[in-house]
Amino acid sequence: MNTTGARLLLKCILNQNIKTLFGVPGESYLSILDALNDFPEINWIGARQEGGASFMAAGFAQLTGKTGICFVTRAPGATNASIGIHTAFQGSIPLILFIGQVSLTVKGREAFQELDYKEMFSGMAKWVTEVNEVNRIPEIMARAFNVANSGRPGPVIVSLPEDVISSICNFNPIPRIIFPEPSVSRQGLIEIKEKLNNAVKPIVIVGGTGWSDEGKKNFKNFVEKNNLPVISSFRRQDIFDNNSKSYAGVSSFGNSKYLNQALEEADLIFAFNALLGDVTTNNYKLWSIPNTHKFLIHSHPEAIELGKVYHSNLPVNSGPNNLAIELNKLGKISDFSSYANNLRTEYINSLSVKDQPGFVDMGKIICYLQSILPEDVIFTNGAGNFSIWSNLLYKFGEKARLIAPTSGAMGFGLPSAIAAKLSDPEKTVICFTGDGDFQMNLTELGTAKQYNAFPIILLLNNSSYGTIRMHQEKNYPGRVKATEIINPDYMKLAESYGMKSFQVKRTEEFKNIFEKLLSSKNGGLIELIVDVESITPHKTLKEFKGF
């Protein structure tokens, strides 16, 4: 049956059980927008800026495990969306960005808004391609989904020339694509068992994406049978139950002394689906390169990630879920309860922080949130020191989720919170943000209003780009420049978008206000006036000067 390339493409997406698309409309893909009228089962979520749209697609993918889909127009739209592509690349998030392109008949003449996307995205996408013939749409779509989800997941770019997607074709759409997950060999399992049995101070670093609920359950069973100590890699705290006696903390910027010491003293490191990057390894200073002088077991579904920086003594090319299944079958290998208990005690002690300078104490507020939030809460955040409070001090249980950028991209929190609310309207979604971070994408409040997807926004306002201010005081004490922020009236701003809004100037005011928002189920914004001195839970800004 004859159809347009646009309808064929949308049917290919729908066959992957993906019914939510994010984007900003553009004249370069009008035929796609027109074809959406023929697919009422597809939900189009129109963002206010392409960076927000790509963040939404990335957050949606990270939360649901499905491939994030984003549509943007040619050059200006593509350049705006690139921040979400980089975030998906570093965060191992499956995402396909469809970009409108000038017609093939004028390509190569520097036509209006023409751009070479292969050159632009070559360093931040797994594959960049262009559909140059309408009948090849099913083929290219199959490959795009396969590349985005296989091995180490990541973003794919598909350029759509106007005249191609508006053409008539008679090809059938692709069926559901199955993504096989590599599995550990029998010999690999024998060696893992042997090395763990001989270890004295092993540590498991867990991370990555592609986890299923069953995979997490099997992993937890394996860990707890052997009382292995587990730490999360950066912003992956929701993989393993933080309430488990085996959980020992998260490897992040500015690791606590006990965690660095444990990683240095460990005789065996099991990097389970985790990338050993600069954040996890304290800027590559924790261990020597390429040999760690420890026994390193490294598992990952992408073989090229094994030994990329650190030599792996036992590389395991396996997905996390299949490896967890097989390890759980091994039963009890050894018992590291005494060692794990010591690290667990250090972790629990690290959650206690001193009274903070100023009238709003985020340490006390996090303790309160821990006591009242539902177990299936979804946290999102962008980048900044404000995120330390929720990322390091909140204990993520088995059902809680953390959707945050491992790339350190500012502005991610609000768009991803909106995507989370669209995906799970009945769940409590908390967007942790700072005044600098929030203003990067605050216009997406318009998207929240249009689709009635308001999260609870906790906006920490210290009138500063706090992280950069901290680094200035460390490296150039007393010579502060460019980090002060003059803020808008956030109360009026939120109200203009139809949101309930409150300002908290004292810690004791927070409880009643938050409970009102939590019970209303309609979201809202709470602006917390935080002293800039309260820059981290354990050290004030003054204590960082010249450190």
Protein backbone atom coordinates (compact mmCIF):
# COMPACT_ATOMS: atom_id res chain seq x y z
CA MET A 1 0.00 0.00 0.00
CA ASN A 2 1.45 3.36 -1.01
CA THR A 3 2.33 5.75 1.80
CA THR A 4 4.67 8.66 2.44
CA GLY A 5 8.13 8.31 3.87
CA ALA A 6 6.96 10.26 6.93
CA ARG A 7 4.13 7.82 7.69
CA LEU A 8 6.44 4.86 7.11
CA LEU A 9 8.98 6.28 9.56
CA LEU A 10 6.37 6.89 12.27
CA LYS A 11 4.99 3.38 11.84
CA CYS A 12 8.52 1.99 12.30
CA ILE A 13 8.79 3.90 15.61
CA LEU A 14 5.35 2.79 16.75
CA ASN A 15 6.25 -0.85 16.09
CA GLN A 16 8.99 -0.50 18.72
CA ASN A 17 6.24 0.15 21.29
CA ILE A 18 7.31 3.79 21.52
CA LYS A 19 4.35 6.14 21.74
CA THR A 20 5.96 9.32 23.10
CA LEU A 21 7.95 11.67 20.88
CA PHE A 22 9.68 14.87 21.99
CA GLY A 23 10.61 17.81 19.82
CA VAL A 24 10.16 21.36 18.60
CA PRO A 25 8.22 21.78 15.33
CA GLY A 26 10.13 22.98 12.30
CA GLU A 27 9.45 23.65 8.63
CA SER A 28 12.07 21.12 7.55
CA TYR A 29 9.91 18.16 8.61
CA LEU A 30 6.38 19.37 7.98
CA SER A 31 5.48 16.02 6.43
CA ILE A 32 6.26 14.28 9.76
CA LEU A 33 4.06 16.74 11.63
CA ASP A 34 1.30 16.18 9.10
CA ALA A 35 1.61 12.39 9.37
CA LEU A 36 1.18 12.56 13.15
CA ASN A 37 -2.48 13.35 12.50
CA ASP A 38 -2.85 9.78 11.25
CA PHE A 39 -1.38 8.27 14.45
CA PRO A 40 -3.58 9.32 17.39
CA GLU A 41 -1.89 6.72 19.58
CA ILE A 42 1.39 8.68 19.39
CA ASN A 43 1.85 11.41 22.00
CA TRP A 44 3.71 14.44 20.67
CA ILE A 45 5.36 16.47 23.45
CA GLY A 46 6.36 19.87 22.14
CA ALA A 47 9.19 21.49 24.09
CA ARG A 48 10.06 25.17 24.13
CA GLN A 49 13.67 24.75 23.00
CA GLU A 50 15.47 21.87 21.30
CA GLY A 51 17.93 21.46 24.17
CA GLY A 52 14.99 20.89 26.49
CA ALA A 53 13.44 18.44 24.01
CA SER A 54 16.61 16.34 23.75
CA PHE A 55 16.95 16.36 27.55
CA MET A 56 13.36 15.14 27.83
CA ALA A 57 14.04 12.33 25.38
CA ALA A 58 17.18 11.34 27.31
CA GLY A 59 15.41 11.46 30.66
CA PHE A 60 12.49 9.44 29.28
CA ALA A 61 14.88 6.79 27.93
CA GLN A 62 16.84 6.59 31.17
CA LEU A 63 13.66 6.15 33.19
CA THR A 64 11.76 3.71 30.95
CA GLY A 65 14.55 1.76 29.27
CA LYS A 66 13.02 2.53 25.88
CA THR A 67 14.73 4.46 23.11
CA GLY A 68 14.26 8.21 23.46
CA ILE A 69 12.94 9.85 20.28
CA CYS A 70 13.45 13.52 19.47
CA PHE A 71 12.58 15.54 16.35
CA VAL A 72 14.19 18.91 15.61
CA THR A 73 14.55 21.15 12.60
CA ARG A 74 17.74 21.71 10.62
CA ALA A 75 20.90 23.55 11.75
CA PRO A 76 19.65 25.88 14.57
CA GLY A 77 17.44 23.13 15.95
CA ALA A 78 20.20 20.55 15.67
CA THR A 79 22.80 22.74 17.36
CA ASN A 80 20.40 23.47 20.22
CA ALA A 81 19.67 19.74 20.62
CA SER A 82 23.34 18.78 20.71
CA ILE A 83 23.59 19.15 24.51
CA GLY A 84 21.14 16.27 24.93
CA ILE A 85 23.13 14.18 22.47
CA HIS A 86 26.36 14.67 24.41
CA THR A 87 24.50 13.85 27.63
CA ALA A 88 23.11 10.65 26.08
CA PHE A 89 26.57 9.73 24.77
CA GLN A 90 28.36 10.08 28.11
CA GLY A 91 25.39 8.64 29.98
CA SER A 92 25.06 5.53 27.76
CA ILE A 93 21.42 6.40 26.97
CA PRO A 94 19.70 5.04 23.82
CA LEU A 95 18.33 7.99 21.86
CA ILE A 96 17.55 8.74 18.21
CA LEU A 97 17.58 12.36 17.08
CA PHE A 98 15.75 12.98 13.80
CA ILE A 99 16.81 16.21 12.11
CA GLY A 100 15.07 17.87 9.21
CA GLN A 101 17.44 18.54 6.32
CA VAL A 102 17.33 20.60 3.14
CA SER A 103 16.10 18.82 0.03
CA LEU A 104 18.55 16.66 -1.86
CA THR A 105 17.98 18.86 -4.92
CA VAL A 106 19.72 21.83 -3.25
CA LYS A 107 22.11 20.05 -0.90
CA GLY A 108 25.74 21.11 -1.11
CA ARG A 109 24.99 24.73 -2.07
CA GLU A 110 24.91 26.02 1.51
CA ALA A 111 21.16 26.28 1.28
CA PHE A 112 19.19 27.97 4.03
CA GLN A 113 20.15 26.33 7.36
CA GLU A 114 22.09 23.54 5.64
CA LEU A 115 24.63 21.71 7.79
CA ASP A 116 26.71 18.54 7.55
CA TYR A 117 25.55 16.50 10.53
CA LYS A 118 28.20 13.83 10.13
CA GLU A 119 30.88 16.41 10.78
CA MET A 120 28.93 18.05 13.58
CA PHE A 121 28.01 14.94 15.59
CA SER A 122 30.90 12.61 14.73
CA GLY A 123 32.44 12.87 18.21
CA MET A 124 29.24 12.53 20.25
CA ALA A 125 27.05 9.97 18.52
CA LYS A 126 27.38 6.24 17.84
CA TRP A 127 26.18 6.63 14.26
CA VAL A 128 25.26 9.57 12.03
CA THR A 129 23.39 8.91 8.81
CA GLU A 130 21.04 10.43 6.26
CA VAL A 131 18.05 8.92 4.48
CA ASN A 132 18.77 9.58 0.81
CA GLU A 133 16.12 7.23 -0.62
CA VAL A 134 12.61 6.81 0.74
CA ASN A 135 12.54 3.04 0.26
CA ARG A 136 15.53 2.67 2.60
CA ILE A 137 13.66 4.07 5.60
CA PRO A 138 12.88 0.63 7.14
CA GLU A 139 16.48 -0.51 6.70
CA ILE A 140 17.92 2.64 8.27
CA MET A 141 15.39 2.63 11.09
CA ALA A 142 16.24 -0.97 11.98
CA ARG A 143 19.93 -0.17 12.09
CA ALA A 144 19.37 3.05 14.06
CA PHE A 145 17.47 1.26 16.83
CA ASN A 146 19.98 -1.57 16.86
CA VAL A 147 23.01 0.72 17.12
CA ALA A 148 21.40 2.92 19.79
CA ASN A 149 20.62 -0.08 22.02
CA SER A 150 23.44 -2.58 21.39
CA GLY A 151 26.68 -2.84 23.32
CA ARG A 152 27.11 0.44 25.15
CA PRO A 153 23.83 2.28 24.44
CA GLY A 154 24.00 5.78 23.04
CA PRO A 155 22.64 8.35 20.60
CA VAL A 156 22.10 7.99 16.85
CA ILE A 157 21.51 10.88 14.44
CA VAL A 158 19.22 10.46 11.42
CA SER A 159 19.05 13.31 8.91
CA LEU A 160 15.77 13.58 6.98
CA PRO A 161 15.87 15.56 3.71
CA GLU A 162 12.51 17.25 3.10
CA ASP A 163 11.95 15.80 -0.36
CA VAL A 164 12.75 12.25 0.77
CA ILE A 165 10.32 12.00 3.69
CA SER A 166 7.51 13.58 1.68
CA SER A 167 7.99 11.07 -1.17
CA ILE A 168 5.65 8.16 -1.87
CA CYS A 169 6.83 4.60 -1.25
CA ASN A 170 5.37 1.13 -0.95
CA PHE A 171 7.65 -0.54 1.61
CA ASN A 172 6.52 -2.18 4.84
CA PRO A 173 7.66 -0.86 8.24
CA ILE A 174 10.11 -2.79 10.38
CA PRO A 175 8.74 -5.10 13.10
CA ARG A 176 9.84 -4.98 16.71
CA ILE A 177 13.66 -5.05 16.95
CA ILE A 178 15.16 -7.44 19.50
CA PHE A 179 18.45 -6.40 21.12
CA PRO A 180 20.48 -9.42 22.26
CA GLU A 181 22.46 -8.97 25.47
CA PRO A 182 25.90 -10.62 25.58
CA SER A 183 26.45 -13.12 28.36
CA VAL A 184 29.38 -14.31 30.43
CA SER A 185 31.15 -17.53 29.43
CA ARG A 186 31.32 -20.58 31.69
CA GLN A 187 35.07 -20.10 32.02
CA GLY A 188 34.55 -16.46 32.94
CA LEU A 189 32.19 -17.48 35.76
CA ILE A 190 34.72 -19.99 37.08
CA GLU A 191 37.44 -17.34 37.15
CA ILE A 192 35.20 -14.74 38.83
CA LYS A 193 34.31 -17.27 41.52
CA GLU A 194 37.94 -18.21 42.05
CA LYS A 195 39.17 -14.63 42.32
CA LEU A 196 36.41 -13.57 44.70
CA ASN A 197 37.07 -16.62 46.86
CA ASN A 198 40.73 -15.60 47.18
CA ALA A 199 40.09 -11.89 47.77
CA VAL A 200 40.48 -10.22 51.16
CA LYS A 201 39.17 -6.72 50.51
CA PRO A 202 37.05 -6.75 47.35
CA ILE A 203 34.86 -3.84 46.27
CA VAL A 204 32.14 -3.91 43.63
CA ILE A 205 31.59 -0.70 41.65
CA VAL A 206 28.19 -0.87 39.98
CA GLY A 207 26.93 1.42 37.24
CA GLY A 208 25.87 1.82 33.65
CA THR A 209 22.50 1.48 31.96
CA GLY A 210 20.48 -1.33 30.40
CA TRP A 211 19.40 -2.79 33.74
CA SER A 212 16.11 -4.64 34.12
CA ASP A 213 14.27 -5.01 37.43
CA GLU A 214 15.09 -8.71 37.36
CA GLY A 215 18.74 -7.94 36.72
CA LYS A 216 18.88 -5.62 39.73
CA LYS A 217 17.19 -8.26 41.87
CA ASN A 218 19.66 -10.97 40.86
CA PHE A 219 22.59 -8.63 41.40
CA LYS A 220 21.38 -7.77 44.89
CA ASN A 221 20.87 -11.44 45.77
CA PHE A 222 24.39 -12.31 44.63
CA VAL A 223 25.95 -9.41 46.54
CA GLU A 224 24.06 -10.04 49.78
CA LYS A 225 24.71 -13.80 49.76
CA ASN A 226 28.41 -12.99 49.92
CA ASN A 227 28.17 -9.76 51.92
CA LEU A 228 30.18 -7.94 49.28
CA PRO A 229 30.63 -4.18 49.72
CA VAL A 230 29.10 -2.21 46.83
CA ILE A 231 29.58 1.39 45.80
CA SER A 232 27.73 3.16 43.00
CA SER A 233 29.48 4.92 40.18
CA PHE A 234 28.62 8.60 39.63
CA ARG A 235 24.84 9.21 39.61
CA ARG A 236 23.97 5.51 39.48
CA GLN A 237 22.77 5.24 43.10
CA ASP A 238 19.39 3.83 42.07
CA ILE A 239 20.80 0.56 40.72
CA PHE A 240 21.48 -0.99 44.12
CA ASP A 241 19.36 -0.63 47.26
CA ASN A 242 21.06 1.98 49.45
CA ASN A 243 19.39 0.43 52.51
CA SER A 244 21.25 -2.84 52.01
CA LYS A 245 23.98 -3.67 54.53
CA SER A 246 26.28 -4.12 51.52
CA TYR A 247 25.88 -0.55 50.23
CA ALA A 248 28.90 1.61 51.05
CA GLY A 249 28.30 4.87 49.16
CA VAL A 250 28.76 6.51 45.78
CA SER A 251 31.97 7.41 44.01
CA SER A 252 31.55 11.06 43.09
CA PHE A 253 33.36 14.37 42.98
CA GLY A 254 35.14 14.93 46.27
CA ASN A 255 34.94 11.41 47.65
CA SER A 256 35.02 11.14 51.42
CA LYS A 257 38.27 9.97 52.97
CA TYR A 258 36.91 6.53 53.89
CA LEU A 259 35.80 5.79 50.32
CA ASN A 260 39.08 6.79 48.70
CA GLN A 261 40.96 4.78 51.32
CA ALA A 262 38.78 1.72 50.69
CA LEU A 263 39.32 1.95 46.92
CA GLU A 264 43.07 2.33 47.43
CA GLU A 265 43.33 -0.58 49.87
CA ALA A 266 41.09 -3.00 47.97
CA ASP A 267 42.90 -6.02 46.57
CA LEU A 268 40.12 -6.73 44.04
CA ILE A 269 37.94 -4.29 42.13
CA PHE A 270 34.87 -5.64 40.34
CA ALA A 271 33.66 -2.91 37.98
CA PHE A 272 30.18 -4.26 37.24
CA ASN A 273 28.79 -2.64 34.08
CA ALA A 274 30.55 0.57 35.15
CA LEU A 275 32.84 2.88 33.21
CA LEU A 276 36.05 3.68 35.05
CA GLY A 277 36.18 7.38 34.21
CA ASP A 278 37.70 10.37 35.94
CA VAL A 279 34.85 10.88 38.43
CA THR A 280 34.87 7.27 39.64
CA THR A 281 38.67 7.20 39.90
CA ASN A 282 39.25 10.63 41.48
CA ASN A 283 40.50 12.19 38.24
CA TYR A 284 42.52 9.04 37.46
CA LYS A 285 44.64 9.60 40.59
CA LEU A 286 43.21 6.71 42.59
CA TRP A 287 45.11 4.01 40.74
CA SER A 288 48.07 4.03 38.39
CA ILE A 289 47.43 3.75 34.64
CA PRO A 290 47.15 1.34 32.90
CA ASN A 291 47.84 -1.21 35.67
CA THR A 292 45.89 -0.65 38.89
CA HIS A 293 48.17 -3.00 40.88
CA LYS A 294 44.98 -4.69 42.01
CA PHE A 295 43.05 -7.53 40.45
CA LEU A 296 40.52 -5.81 38.20
CA ILE A 297 37.43 -7.64 37.00
CA HIS A 298 35.59 -5.45 34.52
CA SER A 299 32.27 -6.39 32.97
CA HIS A 300 30.52 -4.43 30.23
CA PRO A 301 28.33 -5.23 27.21
CA GLU A 302 30.70 -3.21 24.98
CA ALA A 303 34.00 -5.03 24.55
CA ILE A 304 35.87 -1.86 23.61
CA GLU A 305 35.18 -0.42 27.08
CA LEU A 306 37.13 -3.25 28.71
CA GLY A 307 40.67 -2.00 29.18
CA LYS A 308 40.00 1.40 27.60
CA VAL A 309 41.91 3.18 30.39
CA TYR A 310 42.76 0.54 32.99
CA HIS A 311 44.08 -2.90 32.11
CA SER A 312 41.51 -5.52 33.11
CA ASN A 313 42.93 -8.72 34.57
CA LEU A 314 39.61 -10.44 33.90
CA PRO A 315 37.56 -8.73 31.16
CA VAL A 316 33.97 -9.95 30.97
CA ASN A 317 32.04 -9.00 27.85
CA SER A 318 28.52 -9.35 29.24
CA GLY A 319 25.40 -7.33 29.80
CA PRO A 320 24.50 -6.62 33.44
CA ASN A 321 21.32 -8.68 33.55
CA ASN A 322 22.74 -11.89 32.10
CA LEU A 323 25.84 -11.63 34.28
CA ALA A 324 23.72 -11.05 37.39
CA ILE A 325 21.59 -14.13 36.59
CA GLU A 326 24.64 -16.37 36.26
CA LEU A 327 26.40 -15.00 39.35
CA ASN A 328 23.26 -15.44 41.43
CA LYS A 329 23.22 -19.13 40.42
CA LEU A 330 26.67 -19.59 41.97
CA GLY A 331 25.28 -19.18 45.45
CA LYS A 332 27.61 -18.27 48.29
CA ILE A 333 31.27 -17.95 47.32
CA SER A 334 32.71 -16.30 50.40
CA ASP A 335 31.72 -14.02 53.28
CA PHE A 336 33.00 -10.46 53.52
CA SER A 337 30.52 -9.33 56.19
CA SER A 338 33.10 -7.90 58.59
CA TYR A 339 34.75 -5.83 55.86
CA ALA A 340 31.41 -4.74 54.38
CA ASN A 341 30.03 -3.79 57.81
CA ASN A 342 32.98 -1.48 58.43
CA LEU A 343 32.44 0.33 55.14
CA ARG A 344 28.69 0.47 55.74
CA THR A 345 29.30 2.13 59.10
CA GLU A 346 31.55 4.72 57.47
CA TYR A 347 28.86 5.39 54.87
CA ILE A 348 26.13 5.88 57.48
CA ASN A 349 28.42 8.22 59.42
CA SER A 350 29.00 10.27 56.25
CA LEU A 351 25.26 11.02 56.08
CA SER A 352 25.46 13.03 59.29
CA VAL A 353 26.44 16.61 58.57
CA LYS A 354 27.10 19.58 60.80
CA ASP A 355 24.66 22.45 61.14
CA GLN A 356 24.85 24.60 58.05
CA PRO A 357 25.53 28.35 57.87
CA GLY A 358 22.50 30.49 57.11
CA PHE A 359 18.86 30.04 58.04
CA VAL A 360 18.03 27.16 55.66
CA ASP A 361 19.82 23.93 56.55
CA MET A 362 19.72 21.49 53.63
CA GLY A 363 21.08 18.69 55.79
CA LYS A 364 17.98 18.81 57.97
CA ILE A 365 15.71 19.13 54.93
CA ILE A 366 17.19 16.00 53.30
CA CYS A 367 16.63 14.09 56.56
CA TYR A 368 13.01 15.19 56.51
CA LEU A 369 12.60 14.20 52.83
CA GLN A 370 14.05 10.79 53.62
CA SER A 371 11.32 10.28 56.21
CA ILE A 372 8.32 11.40 54.15
CA LEU A 373 8.90 10.65 50.45
CA PRO A 374 7.29 7.51 48.95
CA GLU A 375 9.60 4.58 48.23
CA ASP A 376 9.05 4.90 44.46
CA VAL A 377 10.00 8.59 44.29
CA ILE A 378 11.80 9.82 41.17
CA PHE A 379 14.59 12.37 41.65
CA THR A 380 16.00 14.43 38.80
CA ASN A 381 18.71 17.06 38.76
CA GLY A 382 21.03 18.96 36.49
CA ALA A 383 24.54 20.02 37.43
CA GLY A 384 25.85 22.08 40.32
CA ASN A 385 26.84 21.79 43.97
CA PHE A 386 23.15 21.87 44.92
CA SER A 387 22.87 18.29 43.64
CA ILE A 388 25.30 17.03 46.28
CA TRP A 389 22.56 17.23 48.88
CA SER A 390 20.21 14.83 47.12
CA ASN A 391 22.88 12.73 45.38
CA LEU A 392 25.07 12.00 48.41
CA LEU A 393 22.80 12.28 51.44
CA TYR A 394 19.56 10.68 50.23
CA LYS A 395 19.33 6.89 50.45
CA PHE A 396 17.75 5.47 47.29
CA GLY A 397 15.73 2.36 48.06
CA GLU A 398 14.89 -0.45 45.64
CA LYS A 399 12.02 1.42 43.98
CA ALA A 400 13.46 4.95 43.96
CA ARG A 401 14.98 6.36 40.78
CA LEU A 402 17.64 8.97 40.05
CA ILE A 403 17.60 10.55 36.59
CA ALA A 404 20.66 12.77 36.31
CA PRO A 405 23.36 13.65 33.75
CA THR A 406 26.69 11.88 34.14
CA SER A 407 27.96 14.45 31.63
CA GLY A 408 27.50 17.23 34.19
CA ALA A 409 25.10 19.15 31.94
CA MET A 410 23.29 22.07 33.53
CA GLY A 411 19.58 22.42 32.77
CA PHE A 412 18.83 18.69 32.65
CA GLY A 413 16.74 18.49 35.82
CA LEU A 414 13.53 20.28 34.81
CA PRO A 415 13.08 18.75 31.31
CA SER A 416 13.80 15.24 32.61
CA ALA A 417 11.40 15.78 35.54
CA ILE A 418 8.67 16.75 33.09
CA ALA A 419 9.42 13.64 31.02
CA ALA A 420 9.26 11.53 34.19
CA LYS A 421 5.91 13.04 35.15
CA LEU A 422 4.57 12.33 31.66
CA SER A 423 5.79 8.74 31.91
CA ASP A 424 4.53 8.11 35.47
CA PRO A 425 1.87 10.73 36.28
CA GLU A 426 0.94 9.13 39.62
CA LYS A 427 4.48 9.05 41.00
CA THR A 428 6.13 11.78 43.04
CA VAL A 429 8.78 13.48 40.92
CA ILE A 430 11.25 15.78 42.65
CA CYS A 431 13.38 18.13 40.56
CA PHE A 432 16.41 19.28 42.54
CA THR A 433 17.83 22.41 40.95
CA GLY A 434 19.90 25.50 41.63
CA ASP A 435 19.26 29.07 40.55
CA GLY A 436 21.88 28.86 37.79
CA ASP A 437 20.85 25.38 36.71
CA PHE A 438 17.13 26.19 36.68
CA GLN A 439 17.48 29.23 34.44
CA MET A 440 19.13 27.15 31.72
CA ASN A 441 15.75 25.59 30.81
CA LEU A 442 13.09 27.34 32.88
CA THR A 443 11.02 27.98 29.74
CA GLU A 444 10.12 24.29 29.79
CA LEU A 445 7.64 25.24 32.51
CA GLY A 446 5.53 26.07 29.46
CA THR A 447 5.74 22.42 28.41
CA ALA A 448 4.77 21.32 31.92
CA LYS A 449 1.78 23.65 31.81
CA GLN A 450 0.64 22.54 28.35
CA TYR A 451 0.71 18.84 29.18
CA ASN A 452 -0.21 19.16 32.87
CA ALA A 453 3.05 17.53 33.96
CA PHE A 454 4.23 19.55 36.95
CA PRO A 455 6.88 17.99 39.18
CA ILE A 456 7.79 19.31 42.63
CA ILE A 457 10.69 21.69 42.08
CA LEU A 458 13.09 22.35 44.94
CA LEU A 459 15.09 25.38 43.82
CA LEU A 460 18.17 26.12 45.92
CA ASN A 461 18.91 29.82 45.50
CA ASN A 462 22.31 31.06 46.68
CA SER A 463 22.59 33.82 44.03
CA SER A 464 25.70 32.16 42.63
CA TYR A 465 27.10 29.67 40.17
CA GLY A 466 28.13 27.78 43.29
CA THR A 467 30.39 25.11 41.82
CA ILE A 468 32.47 27.62 39.89
CA ARG A 469 32.57 29.94 42.92
CA MET A 470 33.91 27.04 44.99
CA HIS A 471 36.65 26.36 42.44
CA GLN A 472 37.53 30.06 42.34
CA GLU A 473 37.99 30.12 46.12
CA LYS A 474 40.12 26.96 45.96
CA ASN A 475 42.39 28.11 43.14
CA TYR A 476 42.18 31.92 43.21
CA PRO A 477 41.08 32.77 46.77
CA GLY A 478 39.44 36.15 47.16
CA ARG A 479 39.40 36.84 43.41
CA VAL A 480 35.78 36.13 42.61
CA LYS A 481 34.55 37.06 39.15
CA ALA A 482 31.49 36.32 36.98
CA THR A 483 29.80 33.88 39.38
CA GLU A 484 27.27 36.20 41.03
CA ILE A 485 23.68 35.80 39.82
CA ILE A 486 20.94 38.42 39.97
CA ASN A 487 17.79 36.33 40.05
CA PRO A 488 14.23 36.96 38.87
CA ASP A 489 11.22 36.74 41.16
CA TYR A 490 10.74 32.99 41.05
CA MET A 491 7.38 33.20 42.81
CA LYS A 492 5.87 35.39 40.10
CA LEU A 493 7.60 33.38 37.40
CA ALA A 494 6.13 30.09 38.61
CA GLU A 495 2.70 31.61 39.10
CA SER A 496 2.74 32.93 35.53
CA TYR A 497 2.99 29.31 34.39
CA GLY A 498 0.14 28.23 36.63
CA MET A 499 2.29 26.65 39.32
CA LYS A 500 1.88 26.90 43.05
CA SER A 501 4.97 28.59 44.46
CA PHE A 502 6.47 29.18 47.89
CA GLN A 503 9.62 30.73 49.30
CA VAL A 504 11.41 29.25 52.29
CA LYS A 505 13.77 31.46 54.30
CA ARG A 506 14.00 29.26 57.40
CA THR A 507 14.36 25.51 57.75
CA GLU A 508 11.30 25.15 59.96
CA GLU A 509 9.06 26.64 57.25
CA PHE A 510 9.77 23.83 54.81
CA LYS A 511 7.83 20.95 56.37
CA ASN A 512 4.29 22.37 56.16
CA ILE A 513 4.82 23.81 52.69
CA PHE A 514 6.24 20.59 51.29
CA GLU A 515 3.47 18.47 52.75
CA LYS A 516 0.88 20.66 51.02
CA LEU A 517 2.54 20.09 47.65
CA LEU A 518 3.04 16.38 48.29
CA SER A 519 -0.62 15.86 49.08
CA SER A 520 -1.88 17.98 46.18
CA LYS A 521 -0.36 15.75 43.46
CA ASN A 522 -0.17 18.83 41.22
CA GLY A 523 3.44 19.78 41.78
CA GLY A 524 4.75 23.24 42.55
CA LEU A 525 7.92 25.21 43.19
CA ILE A 526 9.66 25.82 46.50
CA GLU A 527 12.47 28.36 46.43
CA LEU A 528 14.93 27.76 49.26
CA ILE A 529 17.08 30.77 50.14
CA VAL A 530 20.41 29.11 50.91
CA ASP A 531 23.56 30.79 52.18
CA VAL A 532 26.37 30.59 49.62
CA GLU A 533 28.66 29.52 52.48
CA SER A 534 26.70 26.24 52.61
CA ILE A 535 28.44 25.08 49.45
CA THR A 536 28.83 21.38 50.38
CA PRO A 537 27.50 19.23 53.25
CA HIS A 538 30.89 18.85 54.93
CA LYS A 539 32.83 22.00 54.06
CA THR A 540 31.85 25.68 53.84
CA LEU A 541 32.99 28.08 51.15
CA LYS A 542 35.46 29.73 53.51
CA GLU A 543 37.00 26.34 54.27
CA PHE A 544 37.67 25.85 50.57
CA LYS A 545 39.75 29.01 50.20
CA GLY A 546 43.22 28.08 48.98
CA PHE A 547 42.57 24.41 49.86
